[in-house]
């Protein structure tokens, strides 16, 4: 199985428990790029995004390292501490989808 497929499956399954625990809604947009992941989530304005990112990165790292023990010696860390968050403030879902699709296309051209 390709690494990309493994990451997608792991992130979706691990993140779903993080989403449920934090009352986060996911409109179904996610994309794994070669060096980052796009997740589109719907949260209330008072939500602390840092807690969600910590949950997702921690759970996916733990589960992937259990499933692939050789990664423990090959990769010192699975994720960096950094992340980027942007608010779309009512932008139509179609616009957000286009943006993510364009990111995927432009990444392939590099």
N, C-alpha and C. Protein backbone atom coordinates (compact mmCIF):
# COMPACT_ATOMS: atom_id res chain seq x y z
N UNK A 1 0.85 -1.18 0.00
CA UNK A 1 0.00 0.00 0.00
C UNK A 1 0.89 1.24 0.00
N UNK A 2 0.54 2.23 -0.80
CA UNK A 2 1.33 3.45 -0.89
C UNK A 2 1.26 4.24 0.41
N UNK A 3 2.33 4.97 0.69
CA UNK A 3 2.39 5.78 1.91
C UNK A 3 1.25 6.78 1.96
N UNK A 4 0.94 7.39 0.81
CA UNK A 4 -0.13 8.37 0.73
C UNK A 4 -1.46 7.76 1.17
N UNK A 5 -1.77 6.56 0.68
CA UNK A 5 -3.01 5.88 1.05
C UNK A 5 -3.03 5.56 2.53
N UNK A 6 -1.91 5.12 3.06
CA UNK A 6 -1.80 4.80 4.49
C UNK A 6 -2.08 6.05 5.32
N UNK A 7 -1.47 7.18 4.93
CA UNK A 7 -1.69 8.43 5.66
C UNK A 7 -3.15 8.85 5.60
N UNK A 8 -3.76 8.79 4.43
CA UNK A 8 -5.16 9.20 4.31
C UNK A 8 -6.04 8.36 5.23
N UNK A 9 -5.90 7.03 5.15
CA UNK A 9 -6.71 6.15 5.98
C UNK A 9 -6.46 6.38 7.46
N UNK A 10 -5.20 6.55 7.84
CA UNK A 10 -4.86 6.76 9.24
C UNK A 10 -5.41 8.09 9.74
N UNK A 11 -5.22 9.13 8.97
CA UNK A 11 -5.67 10.45 9.40
C UNK A 11 -7.18 10.47 9.54
N UNK A 12 -7.89 9.90 8.58
CA UNK A 12 -9.35 9.91 8.64
C UNK A 12 -9.84 9.11 9.84
N UNK A 13 -9.30 7.92 10.05
CA UNK A 13 -9.78 7.10 11.17
C UNK A 13 -9.39 7.69 12.52
N UNK A 14 -8.17 8.15 12.65
CA UNK A 14 -7.72 8.74 13.92
C UNK A 14 -8.39 10.08 14.18
N UNK A 15 -8.49 10.87 13.14
CA UNK A 15 -9.06 12.20 13.30
C UNK A 15 -10.54 12.14 13.63
N UNK A 16 -11.23 11.12 13.15
CA UNK A 16 -12.66 11.04 13.42
C UNK A 16 -12.95 10.97 14.91
N UNK A 17 -12.11 10.29 15.68
CA UNK A 17 -12.32 10.26 17.13
C UNK A 17 -12.00 11.62 17.75
N UNK A 18 -11.01 12.31 17.19
CA UNK A 18 -10.69 13.67 17.66
C UNK A 18 -11.84 14.61 17.33
N UNK A 19 -12.41 14.46 16.13
CA UNK A 19 -13.52 15.31 15.72
C UNK A 19 -14.72 15.09 16.63
N UNK A 20 -15.04 13.83 16.90
CA UNK A 20 -16.19 13.50 17.74
C UNK A 20 -16.00 14.04 19.16
N UNK A 21 -14.79 13.90 19.69
CA UNK A 21 -14.52 14.35 21.06
C UNK A 21 -14.61 15.86 21.20
N UNK A 22 -14.39 16.57 20.08
CA UNK A 22 -14.38 18.04 20.13
C UNK A 22 -15.57 18.68 19.40
N UNK A 23 -16.56 17.87 19.05
CA UNK A 23 -17.76 18.36 18.34
C UNK A 23 -17.40 19.13 17.07
N UNK A 24 -16.50 18.55 16.29
CA UNK A 24 -16.05 19.16 15.03
C UNK A 24 -16.77 18.49 13.88
N UNK A 25 -17.25 19.30 12.93
CA UNK A 25 -17.90 18.76 11.75
C UNK A 25 -16.92 18.81 10.58
N UNK A 26 -16.90 17.75 9.78
CA UNK A 26 -15.98 17.67 8.64
C UNK A 26 -16.81 17.58 7.36
N UNK A 27 -16.75 18.61 6.51
CA UNK A 27 -17.53 18.59 5.28
C UNK A 27 -17.02 17.58 4.24
N UNK A 28 -15.98 16.84 4.55
CA UNK A 28 -15.53 15.79 3.64
C UNK A 28 -14.36 16.18 2.76
N UNK A 29 -13.68 17.27 3.05
CA UNK A 29 -12.54 17.68 2.25
C UNK A 29 -11.25 17.38 2.99
N UNK A 30 -10.41 16.58 2.40
CA UNK A 30 -9.07 16.37 2.94
C UNK A 30 -8.19 15.93 1.79
N UNK A 31 -6.95 16.31 1.87
CA UNK A 31 -6.01 15.95 0.81
C UNK A 31 -4.63 15.82 1.41
N UNK A 32 -3.95 14.74 1.10
CA UNK A 32 -2.58 14.54 1.55
C UNK A 32 -1.64 14.95 0.44
N UNK A 33 -0.82 15.93 0.71
CA UNK A 33 0.17 16.42 -0.25
C UNK A 33 1.51 15.77 0.12
N UNK A 34 2.52 15.91 -0.74
CA UNK A 34 3.81 15.28 -0.42
C UNK A 34 4.42 15.73 0.90
N UNK A 35 4.19 17.00 1.29
CA UNK A 35 4.82 17.49 2.52
C UNK A 35 3.85 18.12 3.51
N UNK A 36 2.55 18.00 3.27
CA UNK A 36 1.57 18.53 4.22
C UNK A 36 0.20 17.92 3.95
N UNK A 37 -0.74 18.21 4.83
CA UNK A 37 -2.09 17.67 4.73
C UNK A 37 -3.09 18.83 4.80
N UNK A 38 -4.08 18.80 3.93
CA UNK A 38 -5.19 19.75 3.99
C UNK A 38 -6.36 19.07 4.70
N UNK A 39 -6.85 19.68 5.76
CA UNK A 39 -8.07 19.23 6.42
C UNK A 39 -9.02 20.42 6.49
N UNK A 40 -10.23 20.22 6.05
CA UNK A 40 -11.23 21.28 6.10
C UNK A 40 -12.24 20.89 7.17
N UNK A 41 -12.32 21.69 8.23
CA UNK A 41 -13.21 21.37 9.34
C UNK A 41 -14.10 22.57 9.65
N UNK A 42 -15.23 22.28 10.24
CA UNK A 42 -16.20 23.31 10.63
C UNK A 42 -16.27 23.32 12.15
N UNK A 43 -15.86 24.43 12.74
CA UNK A 43 -15.86 24.54 14.20
C UNK A 43 -16.52 25.85 14.61
N UNK A 44 -16.94 25.92 15.87
CA UNK A 44 -17.48 27.18 16.37
C UNK A 44 -16.32 28.17 16.56
N UNK A 45 -16.58 29.47 16.47
CA UNK A 45 -15.51 30.47 16.56
C UNK A 45 -14.67 30.40 17.84
N UNK A 46 -15.25 29.93 18.95
CA UNK A 46 -14.53 29.89 20.23
C UNK A 46 -13.66 28.63 20.36
N UNK A 47 -13.68 27.76 19.37
CA UNK A 47 -12.94 26.50 19.44
C UNK A 47 -11.43 26.73 19.43
N UNK A 48 -10.71 25.96 20.23
CA UNK A 48 -9.25 26.06 20.30
C UNK A 48 -8.66 25.04 19.32
N UNK A 49 -8.22 25.53 18.16
CA UNK A 49 -7.72 24.67 17.08
C UNK A 49 -6.48 23.89 17.52
N UNK A 50 -5.66 24.49 18.37
CA UNK A 50 -4.45 23.83 18.83
C UNK A 50 -4.76 22.46 19.45
N UNK A 51 -5.82 22.38 20.21
CA UNK A 51 -6.19 21.10 20.84
C UNK A 51 -6.52 20.03 19.80
N UNK A 52 -7.22 20.43 18.74
CA UNK A 52 -7.56 19.49 17.67
C UNK A 52 -6.30 19.02 16.95
N UNK A 53 -5.40 19.94 16.63
CA UNK A 53 -4.17 19.57 15.93
C UNK A 53 -3.31 18.65 16.78
N UNK A 54 -3.21 18.94 18.05
CA UNK A 54 -2.43 18.10 18.97
C UNK A 54 -3.03 16.69 19.01
N UNK A 55 -4.34 16.59 19.07
CA UNK A 55 -5.03 15.29 19.09
C UNK A 55 -4.77 14.51 17.80
N UNK A 56 -4.96 15.17 16.66
CA UNK A 56 -4.78 14.49 15.37
C UNK A 56 -3.35 14.04 15.18
N UNK A 57 -2.39 14.93 15.40
CA UNK A 57 -0.98 14.57 15.20
C UNK A 57 -0.53 13.49 16.17
N UNK A 58 -0.96 13.58 17.41
CA UNK A 58 -0.57 12.59 18.41
C UNK A 58 -1.12 11.21 18.11
N UNK A 59 -2.41 11.15 17.80
CA UNK A 59 -3.03 9.84 17.52
C UNK A 59 -2.52 9.22 16.24
N UNK A 60 -2.41 10.01 15.17
CA UNK A 60 -1.92 9.43 13.91
C UNK A 60 -0.48 8.95 14.06
N UNK A 61 0.34 9.71 14.74
CA UNK A 61 1.73 9.31 14.93
C UNK A 61 1.82 8.00 15.72
N UNK A 62 1.07 7.92 16.81
CA UNK A 62 1.10 6.72 17.65
C UNK A 62 0.62 5.48 16.86
N UNK A 63 -0.49 5.62 16.16
CA UNK A 63 -1.04 4.48 15.44
C UNK A 63 -0.14 4.06 14.28
N UNK A 64 0.39 5.03 13.52
CA UNK A 64 1.28 4.67 12.41
C UNK A 64 2.56 4.02 12.91
N UNK A 65 3.09 4.49 14.01
CA UNK A 65 4.32 3.89 14.55
C UNK A 65 4.07 2.50 15.11
N UNK A 66 2.86 2.24 15.62
CA UNK A 66 2.53 0.89 16.07
C UNK A 66 2.39 -0.04 14.86
N UNK A 67 1.79 0.48 13.80
CA UNK A 67 1.58 -0.33 12.60
C UNK A 67 2.87 -0.54 11.81
N UNK A 68 3.76 0.44 11.85
CA UNK A 68 5.03 0.38 11.12
C UNK A 68 6.18 0.67 12.08
N UNK A 69 6.58 -0.31 12.90
CA UNK A 69 7.60 -0.08 13.93
C UNK A 69 8.94 0.39 13.38
N UNK A 70 9.28 0.01 12.15
CA UNK A 70 10.56 0.43 11.59
C UNK A 70 10.63 1.94 11.37
N UNK A 71 9.48 2.62 11.33
CA UNK A 71 9.48 4.07 11.20
C UNK A 71 10.07 4.74 12.44
N UNK A 72 9.99 4.08 13.58
CA UNK A 72 10.51 4.65 14.82
C UNK A 72 12.00 4.95 14.70
N UNK A 73 12.73 4.08 14.03
CA UNK A 73 14.17 4.30 13.87
C UNK A 73 14.48 5.14 12.63
N UNK A 74 13.61 5.10 11.63
CA UNK A 74 13.87 5.84 10.39
C UNK A 74 13.45 7.31 10.47
N UNK A 75 12.38 7.58 11.21
CA UNK A 75 11.86 8.95 11.30
C UNK A 75 11.88 9.41 12.76
N UNK A 76 12.68 10.41 13.08
CA UNK A 76 12.70 10.87 14.47
C UNK A 76 11.33 11.41 14.92
N UNK A 77 10.63 12.11 14.03
CA UNK A 77 9.27 12.57 14.31
C UNK A 77 8.44 12.40 13.04
N UNK A 78 7.17 12.14 13.23
CA UNK A 78 6.29 11.98 12.08
C UNK A 78 5.74 13.33 11.63
N UNK A 79 5.45 14.19 12.57
CA UNK A 79 4.90 15.52 12.28
C UNK A 79 5.80 16.58 12.89
N UNK A 80 5.76 17.78 12.32
CA UNK A 80 6.42 18.92 12.96
C UNK A 80 5.42 19.53 13.95
N UNK A 81 5.88 20.44 14.76
CA UNK A 81 4.99 21.12 15.70
C UNK A 81 4.14 22.18 15.02
N UNK A 82 4.49 22.55 13.79
CA UNK A 82 3.80 23.65 13.14
C UNK A 82 2.53 23.21 12.41
N UNK A 83 1.65 24.16 12.20
CA UNK A 83 0.45 23.96 11.40
C UNK A 83 -0.05 25.32 10.95
N UNK A 84 -0.86 25.33 9.92
CA UNK A 84 -1.42 26.57 9.40
C UNK A 84 -2.94 26.47 9.47
N UNK A 85 -3.58 27.52 9.93
CA UNK A 85 -5.03 27.57 10.02
C UNK A 85 -5.50 28.83 9.32
N UNK A 86 -6.55 28.69 8.55
CA UNK A 86 -7.15 29.84 7.88
C UNK A 86 -8.66 29.75 8.00
N UNK A 87 -9.29 30.88 8.22
CA UNK A 87 -10.75 30.92 8.30
C UNK A 87 -11.30 31.27 6.92
N UNK A 88 -12.34 30.57 6.51
CA UNK A 88 -12.94 30.87 5.21
C UNK A 88 -14.17 31.76 5.36
N UNK A 89 -14.65 31.95 6.55
CA UNK A 89 -15.72 32.91 6.88
C UNK A 89 -16.87 32.92 5.88
N UNK A 90 -17.51 31.81 5.73
CA UNK A 90 -18.69 31.76 4.90
C UNK A 90 -18.45 31.62 3.41
N UNK A 91 -17.21 31.39 3.00
CA UNK A 91 -16.94 31.17 1.58
C UNK A 91 -17.67 29.90 1.15
N UNK A 92 -18.21 29.90 -0.07
CA UNK A 92 -18.91 28.70 -0.53
C UNK A 92 -18.00 27.48 -0.56
N UNK A 93 -18.55 26.34 -0.22
CA UNK A 93 -17.79 25.10 -0.18
C UNK A 93 -17.11 24.83 -1.53
N UNK A 94 -17.75 25.17 -2.62
CA UNK A 94 -17.17 24.96 -3.95
C UNK A 94 -15.86 25.73 -4.12
N UNK A 95 -15.78 26.92 -3.57
CA UNK A 95 -14.55 27.73 -3.66
C UNK A 95 -13.43 27.07 -2.88
N UNK A 96 -13.73 26.58 -1.70
CA UNK A 96 -12.72 25.90 -0.87
C UNK A 96 -12.24 24.63 -1.58
N UNK A 97 -13.16 23.87 -2.16
CA UNK A 97 -12.80 22.66 -2.90
C UNK A 97 -11.86 23.00 -4.06
N UNK A 98 -12.19 24.08 -4.79
CA UNK A 98 -11.34 24.50 -5.92
C UNK A 98 -9.94 24.85 -5.44
N UNK A 99 -9.85 25.55 -4.32
CA UNK A 99 -8.55 25.93 -3.78
C UNK A 99 -7.71 24.70 -3.47
N UNK A 100 -8.32 23.74 -2.80
CA UNK A 100 -7.58 22.53 -2.44
C UNK A 100 -7.18 21.75 -3.69
N UNK A 101 -8.07 21.67 -4.67
CA UNK A 101 -7.75 21.00 -5.93
C UNK A 101 -6.59 21.69 -6.64
N UNK A 102 -6.60 23.02 -6.65
CA UNK A 102 -5.50 23.76 -7.29
C UNK A 102 -4.18 23.51 -6.58
N UNK A 103 -4.22 23.38 -5.26
CA UNK A 103 -3.01 23.07 -4.51
C UNK A 103 -2.44 21.73 -4.94
N UNK A 104 -3.32 20.77 -5.11
CA UNK A 104 -2.91 19.43 -5.51
C UNK A 104 -2.29 19.47 -6.91
N UNK A 105 -2.92 20.18 -7.82
CA UNK A 105 -2.43 20.29 -9.20
C UNK A 105 -1.10 21.03 -9.26
N UNK A 106 -0.99 22.15 -8.57
CA UNK A 106 0.26 22.92 -8.61
C UNK A 106 1.40 22.15 -7.95
N UNK A 107 1.11 21.34 -6.94
CA UNK A 107 2.13 20.54 -6.27
C UNK A 107 2.69 19.49 -7.23
N UNK A 108 1.85 18.91 -8.07
CA UNK A 108 2.29 17.90 -9.03
C UNK A 108 3.21 18.49 -10.08
N UNK A 109 3.02 19.75 -10.42
CA UNK A 109 3.81 20.40 -11.47
C UNK A 109 5.21 20.72 -11.00
N UNK A 110 5.44 20.74 -9.70
CA UNK A 110 6.78 21.09 -9.17
C UNK A 110 7.76 19.97 -9.36
